[in-house]
Amino acid sequence: MMDYWWILFPMAAFAFAGWTQWLNYRRQKALLDVVRTYADKGQEPPREILDALAGNAPGVGSTRQEVRQGTAAHYWSLVGLFGALCAGFAWASWGGRLDGGTGALSIVALVMGAVCLWSLICAVVLQVRGKRG
């Protein structure tokens, strides 16, 4: 049973993703209720509400707005995340302390390092492209 302790990590990621999606659903539903109230009165809803519904409002989901996919900030955050994961798995695999000498954690560290490198390249390219344009 203790051989499968690592399954907790993907299960936690799935649970977190589900929780985030549920919260987003609740937020969207509340915004639609507000729009429906305006429509019942025959009024146009304020632009801020429509922007919030589209995900463009500065106050609503501001962390998602600041680090939007496809931006340099998004990839820089991935560099930090996967760099830390690579370092952690490399440390855990060093000397075969945690994986019993199988090298499985070394492979995970290698994959995390590759994703970190890919994120770094994307971040630098988008950073340079953003400064030119």
N, C-alpha and C. Protein backbone atom coordinates (compact mmCIF):
# COMPACT_ATOMS: atom_id res chain seq x y z
N MET A 1 0.82 -1.19 0.00
CA MET A 1 0.00 0.00 0.00
C MET A 1 0.87 1.26 0.00
N MET A 2 1.97 1.23 0.69
CA MET A 2 2.84 2.40 0.77
C MET A 2 3.60 2.64 -0.53
N ASP A 3 3.55 1.69 -1.45
CA ASP A 3 4.23 1.87 -2.73
C ASP A 3 3.54 2.90 -3.62
N TYR A 4 2.30 3.19 -3.33
CA TYR A 4 1.52 4.09 -4.19
C TYR A 4 1.21 5.42 -3.51
N TRP A 5 2.08 5.90 -2.64
CA TRP A 5 1.87 7.17 -1.95
C TRP A 5 1.82 8.35 -2.92
N TRP A 6 2.52 8.24 -4.02
CA TRP A 6 2.63 9.33 -4.98
C TRP A 6 1.31 9.60 -5.69
N ILE A 7 0.38 8.66 -5.66
CA ILE A 7 -0.92 8.86 -6.32
C ILE A 7 -1.70 9.99 -5.66
N LEU A 8 -1.34 10.33 -4.43
CA LEU A 8 -2.02 11.43 -3.76
C LEU A 8 -1.84 12.74 -4.52
N PHE A 9 -0.72 12.93 -5.18
CA PHE A 9 -0.46 14.18 -5.88
C PHE A 9 -1.38 14.38 -7.09
N PRO A 10 -1.51 13.39 -7.99
CA PRO A 10 -2.45 13.62 -9.10
C PRO A 10 -3.90 13.69 -8.61
N MET A 11 -4.23 12.93 -7.56
CA MET A 11 -5.59 13.01 -7.04
C MET A 11 -5.87 14.39 -6.46
N ALA A 12 -4.89 14.97 -5.77
CA ALA A 12 -5.05 16.32 -5.23
C ALA A 12 -5.17 17.33 -6.36
N ALA A 13 -4.42 17.15 -7.44
CA ALA A 13 -4.51 18.06 -8.58
C ALA A 13 -5.89 17.99 -9.22
N PHE A 14 -6.42 16.78 -9.37
CA PHE A 14 -7.77 16.63 -9.93
C PHE A 14 -8.81 17.27 -9.02
N ALA A 15 -8.66 17.08 -7.72
CA ALA A 15 -9.62 17.66 -6.77
C ALA A 15 -9.54 19.18 -6.82
N PHE A 16 -8.34 19.73 -6.89
CA PHE A 16 -8.18 21.18 -6.95
C PHE A 16 -8.77 21.73 -8.24
N ALA A 17 -8.53 21.05 -9.36
CA ALA A 17 -9.09 21.51 -10.64
C ALA A 17 -10.62 21.46 -10.60
N GLY A 18 -11.17 20.41 -10.03
CA GLY A 18 -12.62 20.32 -9.90
C GLY A 18 -13.19 21.43 -9.02
N TRP A 19 -12.52 21.70 -7.90
CA TRP A 19 -12.96 22.76 -7.01
C TRP A 19 -12.92 24.12 -7.71
N THR A 20 -11.86 24.38 -8.45
CA THR A 20 -11.72 25.64 -9.18
C THR A 20 -12.82 25.78 -10.22
N GLN A 21 -13.10 24.71 -10.94
CA GLN A 21 -14.15 24.75 -11.95
C GLN A 21 -15.52 24.98 -11.31
N TRP A 22 -15.76 24.36 -10.16
CA TRP A 22 -17.03 24.55 -9.48
C TRP A 22 -17.20 26.00 -9.02
N LEU A 23 -16.12 26.59 -8.47
CA LEU A 23 -16.18 27.99 -8.06
C LEU A 23 -16.40 28.92 -9.25
N ASN A 24 -15.76 28.61 -10.37
CA ASN A 24 -15.96 29.41 -11.58
C ASN A 24 -17.40 29.28 -12.07
N TYR A 25 -17.96 28.09 -12.00
CA TYR A 25 -19.35 27.89 -12.38
C TYR A 25 -20.28 28.72 -11.51
N ARG A 26 -20.04 28.73 -10.21
CA ARG A 26 -20.88 29.51 -9.29
C ARG A 26 -20.79 31.00 -9.59
N ARG A 27 -19.58 31.48 -9.88
CA ARG A 27 -19.39 32.89 -10.20
C ARG A 27 -20.13 33.25 -11.49
N GLN A 28 -19.99 32.41 -12.51
CA GLN A 28 -20.68 32.67 -13.78
C GLN A 28 -22.19 32.64 -13.61
N LYS A 29 -22.67 31.70 -12.80
CA LYS A 29 -24.12 31.60 -12.57
C LYS A 29 -24.65 32.85 -11.86
N ALA A 30 -23.91 33.34 -10.88
CA ALA A 30 -24.33 34.56 -10.18
C ALA A 30 -24.34 35.75 -11.13
N LEU A 31 -23.35 35.85 -11.99
CA LEU A 31 -23.32 36.95 -12.96
C LEU A 31 -24.48 36.85 -13.95
N LEU A 32 -24.80 35.64 -14.38
CA LEU A 32 -25.93 35.46 -15.29
C LEU A 32 -27.26 35.81 -14.61
N ASP A 33 -27.36 35.54 -13.32
CA ASP A 33 -28.56 35.93 -12.58
C ASP A 33 -28.71 37.45 -12.56
N VAL A 34 -27.60 38.16 -12.40
CA VAL A 34 -27.64 39.63 -12.42
C VAL A 34 -28.06 40.13 -13.80
N VAL A 35 -27.49 39.53 -14.86
CA VAL A 35 -27.85 39.92 -16.22
C VAL A 35 -29.32 39.63 -16.48
N ARG A 36 -29.79 38.49 -15.99
CA ARG A 36 -31.21 38.13 -16.16
C ARG A 36 -32.12 39.15 -15.46
N THR A 37 -31.70 39.64 -14.30
CA THR A 37 -32.49 40.65 -13.59
C THR A 37 -32.59 41.93 -14.42
N TYR A 38 -31.48 42.35 -15.01
CA TYR A 38 -31.52 43.53 -15.88
C TYR A 38 -32.41 43.28 -17.10
N ALA A 39 -32.31 42.08 -17.68
CA ALA A 39 -33.13 41.77 -18.86
C ALA A 39 -34.62 41.77 -18.52
N ASP A 40 -34.98 41.26 -17.33
CA ASP A 40 -36.38 41.27 -16.91
C ASP A 40 -36.93 42.69 -16.76
N LYS A 41 -36.06 43.61 -16.38
CA LYS A 41 -36.47 45.02 -16.24
C LYS A 41 -36.43 45.76 -17.58
N GLY A 42 -35.88 45.12 -18.60
CA GLY A 42 -35.77 45.76 -19.90
C GLY A 42 -34.62 46.74 -19.99
N GLN A 43 -33.62 46.57 -19.14
CA GLN A 43 -32.47 47.47 -19.11
C GLN A 43 -31.23 46.75 -19.64
N GLU A 44 -30.33 47.56 -20.08
CA GLU A 44 -29.02 47.03 -20.52
C GLU A 44 -28.12 46.89 -19.29
N PRO A 45 -27.51 45.72 -19.07
CA PRO A 45 -26.60 45.59 -17.91
C PRO A 45 -25.36 46.45 -18.10
N PRO A 46 -24.76 46.90 -17.00
CA PRO A 46 -23.54 47.71 -17.11
C PRO A 46 -22.42 46.94 -17.81
N ARG A 47 -21.56 47.66 -18.46
CA ARG A 47 -20.44 47.06 -19.21
C ARG A 47 -19.53 46.24 -18.30
N GLU A 48 -19.38 46.67 -17.05
CA GLU A 48 -18.51 45.95 -16.11
C GLU A 48 -19.02 44.54 -15.86
N ILE A 49 -20.34 44.39 -15.79
CA ILE A 49 -20.91 43.05 -15.55
C ILE A 49 -20.68 42.17 -16.77
N LEU A 50 -20.88 42.72 -17.95
CA LEU A 50 -20.64 41.93 -19.17
C LEU A 50 -19.16 41.57 -19.31
N ASP A 51 -18.29 42.51 -18.94
CA ASP A 51 -16.85 42.20 -18.96
C ASP A 51 -16.50 41.11 -17.96
N ALA A 52 -17.11 41.17 -16.78
CA ALA A 52 -16.86 40.15 -15.76
C ALA A 52 -17.36 38.79 -16.26
N LEU A 53 -18.47 38.79 -16.96
CA LEU A 53 -19.01 37.54 -17.50
C LEU A 53 -18.08 36.95 -18.56
N ALA A 54 -17.44 37.84 -19.32
CA ALA A 54 -16.50 37.39 -20.34
C ALA A 54 -15.11 37.09 -19.77
N GLY A 55 -14.89 37.43 -18.49
CA GLY A 55 -13.59 37.18 -17.86
C GLY A 55 -12.60 38.28 -18.10
N ASN A 56 -13.05 39.47 -18.51
CA ASN A 56 -12.15 40.58 -18.81
C ASN A 56 -12.13 41.66 -17.74
N ALA A 57 -12.90 41.49 -16.69
CA ALA A 57 -12.98 42.54 -15.67
C ALA A 57 -11.72 42.52 -14.81
N PRO A 58 -11.18 43.69 -14.45
CA PRO A 58 -9.97 43.72 -13.64
C PRO A 58 -10.17 43.20 -12.23
N GLY A 59 -11.33 43.35 -11.64
CA GLY A 59 -11.55 42.93 -10.26
C GLY A 59 -11.92 41.48 -10.12
N VAL A 60 -12.51 40.90 -11.14
CA VAL A 60 -12.99 39.52 -11.06
C VAL A 60 -11.95 38.60 -11.66
N GLY A 61 -11.47 37.65 -10.85
CA GLY A 61 -10.46 36.72 -11.32
C GLY A 61 -9.18 37.42 -11.72
N SER A 62 -8.75 38.38 -10.90
CA SER A 62 -7.62 39.22 -11.28
C SER A 62 -6.33 38.42 -11.42
N THR A 63 -6.17 37.35 -10.65
CA THR A 63 -4.95 36.57 -10.81
C THR A 63 -4.94 35.89 -12.16
N ARG A 64 -6.10 35.44 -12.60
CA ARG A 64 -6.17 34.82 -13.92
C ARG A 64 -5.94 35.87 -15.00
N GLN A 65 -6.40 37.10 -14.75
CA GLN A 65 -6.22 38.18 -15.71
C GLN A 65 -4.75 38.56 -15.81
N GLU A 66 -4.05 38.60 -14.67
CA GLU A 66 -2.65 39.02 -14.67
C GLU A 66 -1.75 37.99 -15.33
N VAL A 67 -1.99 36.73 -15.08
CA VAL A 67 -1.18 35.66 -15.64
C VAL A 67 -2.05 34.88 -16.61
N ARG A 68 -2.26 35.44 -17.77
CA ARG A 68 -3.11 34.81 -18.77
C ARG A 68 -2.25 33.89 -19.62
N GLN A 69 -2.84 32.77 -20.01
CA GLN A 69 -2.11 31.82 -20.83
C GLN A 69 -1.64 32.48 -22.11
N GLY A 70 -0.43 32.17 -22.50
CA GLY A 70 0.13 32.73 -23.71
C GLY A 70 0.90 34.01 -23.48
N THR A 71 0.99 34.46 -22.24
CA THR A 71 1.76 35.67 -21.95
C THR A 71 3.10 35.26 -21.33
N ALA A 72 4.03 36.21 -21.35
CA ALA A 72 5.35 35.93 -20.78
C ALA A 72 5.24 35.66 -19.29
N ALA A 73 4.34 36.37 -18.60
CA ALA A 73 4.18 36.17 -17.15
C ALA A 73 3.72 34.75 -16.85
N HIS A 74 2.86 34.21 -17.69
CA HIS A 74 2.39 32.84 -17.51
C HIS A 74 3.56 31.86 -17.59
N TYR A 75 4.39 32.02 -18.60
CA TYR A 75 5.51 31.10 -18.77
C TYR A 75 6.58 31.29 -17.71
N TRP A 76 6.78 32.53 -17.23
CA TRP A 76 7.74 32.74 -16.14
C TRP A 76 7.26 32.02 -14.88
N SER A 77 5.96 32.03 -14.64
CA SER A 77 5.46 31.31 -13.47
C SER A 77 5.66 29.80 -13.63
N LEU A 78 5.52 29.31 -14.86
CA LEU A 78 5.78 27.89 -15.10
C LEU A 78 7.25 27.54 -14.93
N VAL A 79 8.14 28.46 -15.29
CA VAL A 79 9.57 28.23 -15.08
C VAL A 79 9.84 28.03 -13.59
N GLY A 80 9.28 28.90 -12.77
CA GLY A 80 9.47 28.76 -11.32
C GLY A 80 8.89 27.46 -10.78
N LEU A 81 7.67 27.13 -11.23
CA LEU A 81 7.02 25.92 -10.74
C LEU A 81 7.79 24.67 -11.12
N PHE A 82 8.07 24.51 -12.41
CA PHE A 82 8.73 23.28 -12.85
C PHE A 82 10.21 23.26 -12.48
N GLY A 83 10.82 24.41 -12.31
CA GLY A 83 12.19 24.43 -11.80
C GLY A 83 12.26 23.91 -10.38
N ALA A 84 11.30 24.34 -9.55
CA ALA A 84 11.27 23.86 -8.17
C ALA A 84 10.94 22.37 -8.12
N LEU A 85 10.00 21.93 -8.96
CA LEU A 85 9.67 20.49 -9.00
C LEU A 85 10.87 19.67 -9.47
N CYS A 86 11.57 20.16 -10.47
CA CYS A 86 12.76 19.45 -10.96
C CYS A 86 13.80 19.33 -9.85
N ALA A 87 14.05 20.44 -9.15
CA ALA A 87 15.03 20.41 -8.07
C ALA A 87 14.60 19.45 -6.95
N GLY A 88 13.33 19.47 -6.61
CA GLY A 88 12.83 18.58 -5.56
C GLY A 88 12.95 17.12 -5.92
N PHE A 89 12.56 16.78 -7.14
CA PHE A 89 12.66 15.38 -7.56
C PHE A 89 14.10 14.96 -7.75
N ALA A 90 14.95 15.86 -8.20
CA ALA A 90 16.38 15.52 -8.34
C ALA A 90 16.98 15.26 -6.97
N TRP A 91 16.63 16.08 -5.99
CA TRP A 91 17.13 15.87 -4.63
C TRP A 91 16.61 14.55 -4.07
N ALA A 92 15.33 14.26 -4.31
CA ALA A 92 14.74 13.03 -3.78
C ALA A 92 15.35 11.79 -4.43
N SER A 93 15.75 11.90 -5.69
CA SER A 93 16.30 10.73 -6.37
C SER A 93 17.79 10.56 -6.12
N TRP A 94 18.44 11.59 -5.59
CA TRP A 94 19.88 11.53 -5.38
C TRP A 94 20.23 10.41 -4.40
N GLY A 95 21.02 9.48 -4.83
CA GLY A 95 21.46 8.37 -4.00
C GLY A 95 20.40 7.29 -3.83
N GLY A 96 19.28 7.40 -4.50
CA GLY A 96 18.23 6.38 -4.42
C GLY A 96 17.58 6.29 -3.06
N ARG A 97 17.55 7.41 -2.33
CA ARG A 97 17.01 7.37 -0.97
C ARG A 97 15.52 7.08 -0.94
N LEU A 98 14.76 7.70 -1.83
CA LEU A 98 13.30 7.58 -1.73
C LEU A 98 12.68 6.62 -2.73
N ASP A 99 13.37 6.34 -3.81
CA ASP A 99 12.76 5.44 -4.79
C ASP A 99 13.39 4.05 -4.80
N GLY A 100 14.20 3.75 -3.81
CA GLY A 100 14.78 2.42 -3.71
C GLY A 100 15.80 2.12 -4.79
N GLY A 101 16.37 3.14 -5.39
CA GLY A 101 17.38 2.92 -6.41
C GLY A 101 16.84 2.58 -7.78
N THR A 102 15.54 2.74 -8.00
CA THR A 102 14.97 2.39 -9.30
C THR A 102 15.24 3.44 -10.36
N GLY A 103 15.49 4.66 -9.95
CA GLY A 103 15.72 5.74 -10.90
C GLY A 103 14.45 6.39 -11.41
N ALA A 104 13.31 6.00 -10.86
CA ALA A 104 12.03 6.56 -11.31
C ALA A 104 11.96 8.05 -11.04
N LEU A 105 12.44 8.48 -9.87
CA LEU A 105 12.39 9.91 -9.55
C LEU A 105 13.37 10.70 -10.40
N SER A 106 14.43 10.06 -10.87
CA SER A 106 15.36 10.72 -11.78
C SER A 106 14.68 11.02 -13.11
N ILE A 107 13.87 10.08 -13.57
CA ILE A 107 13.13 10.29 -14.82
C ILE A 107 12.12 11.41 -14.65
N VAL A 108 11.44 11.45 -13.51
CA VAL A 108 10.49 12.53 -13.24
C VAL A 108 11.22 13.86 -13.20
N ALA A 109 12.39 13.90 -12.56
CA ALA A 109 13.17 15.13 -12.50
C ALA A 109 13.60 15.58 -13.89
N LEU A 110 13.95 14.63 -14.73
CA LEU A 110 14.35 14.94 -16.10
C LEU A 110 13.17 15.55 -16.88
N VAL A 111 11.99 14.96 -16.73
CA VAL A 111 10.81 15.48 -17.42
C VAL A 111 10.47 16.88 -16.91
N MET A 112 10.52 17.07 -15.59
CA MET A 112 10.24 18.40 -15.03
C MET A 112 11.27 19.42 -15.52
N GLY A 113 12.51 19.01 -15.63
CA GLY A 113 13.54 19.90 -16.15
C GLY A 113 13.30 20.27 -17.61
N ALA A 114 12.83 19.30 -18.41
CA ALA A 114 12.53 19.57 -19.81
C ALA A 114 11.37 20.55 -19.94
N VAL A 115 10.34 20.39 -19.12
CA VAL A 115 9.21 21.32 -19.16
C VAL A 115 9.64 22.70 -18.68
N CYS A 116 10.51 22.74 -17.69
CA CYS A 116 11.05 24.02 -17.22
C CYS A 116 11.82 24.72 -18.33
N LEU A 117 12.64 23.99 -19.06
CA LEU A 117 13.40 24.55 -20.17
C LEU A 117 12.47 25.05 -21.27
N TRP A 118 11.44 24.29 -21.60
CA TRP A 118 10.46 24.70 -22.60
C TRP A 118 9.76 25.99 -22.16
N SER A 119 9.37 26.07 -20.90
CA SER A 119 8.72 27.27 -20.38
C SER A 119 9.66 28.47 -20.43
N LEU A 120 10.93 28.24 -20.13
CA LEU A 120 11.92 29.31 -20.17
C LEU A 120 12.07 29.85 -21.59
N ILE A 121 12.14 28.96 -22.56
CA ILE A 121 12.26 29.38 -23.96
C ILE A 121 11.03 30.18 -24.38
N CYS A 122 9.83 29.69 -24.04
CA CYS A 122 8.60 30.42 -24.37
C CYS A 122 8.56 31.78 -23.70
N ALA A 123 8.96 31.86 -22.44
CA ALA A 123 8.94 33.13 -21.71
C ALA A 123 9.89 34.13 -22.33
N VAL A 124 11.09 33.68 -22.68
CA VAL A 124 12.07 34.60 -23.27
C VAL A 124 11.60 35.06 -24.65
N VAL A 125 11.09 34.15 -25.45
CA VAL A 125 10.61 34.53 -26.79
C VAL A 125 9.47 35.54 -26.69
N LEU A 126 8.51 35.29 -25.80
CA LEU A 126 7.40 36.22 -25.66
C LEU A 126 7.85 37.56 -25.06
N GLN A 127 8.83 37.51 -24.19
CA GLN A 127 9.36 38.74 -23.59
C GLN A 127 10.04 39.59 -24.67
N VAL A 128 10.84 38.95 -25.50
CA VAL A 128 11.54 39.67 -26.57
C VAL A 128 10.54 40.18 -27.61
N ARG A 129 9.58 39.36 -27.96
CA ARG A 129 8.57 39.75 -28.95
C ARG A 129 7.73 40.92 -28.41
N GLY A 130 7.43 40.91 -27.12
CA GLY A 130 6.65 41.98 -26.52
C GLY A 130 7.39 43.30 -26.50
N LYS A 131 8.72 43.26 -26.34
CA LYS A 131 9.51 44.50 -26.30
C LYS A 131 9.69 45.10 -27.69
N ARG A 132 9.71 44.25 -28.71
CA ARG A 132 9.84 44.76 -30.08
C ARG A 132 8.53 45.39 -30.54
N GLY A 133 7.41 44.69 -30.27
CA GLY A 133 6.12 45.13 -30.78
C GLY A 133 5.54 46.12 -29.90
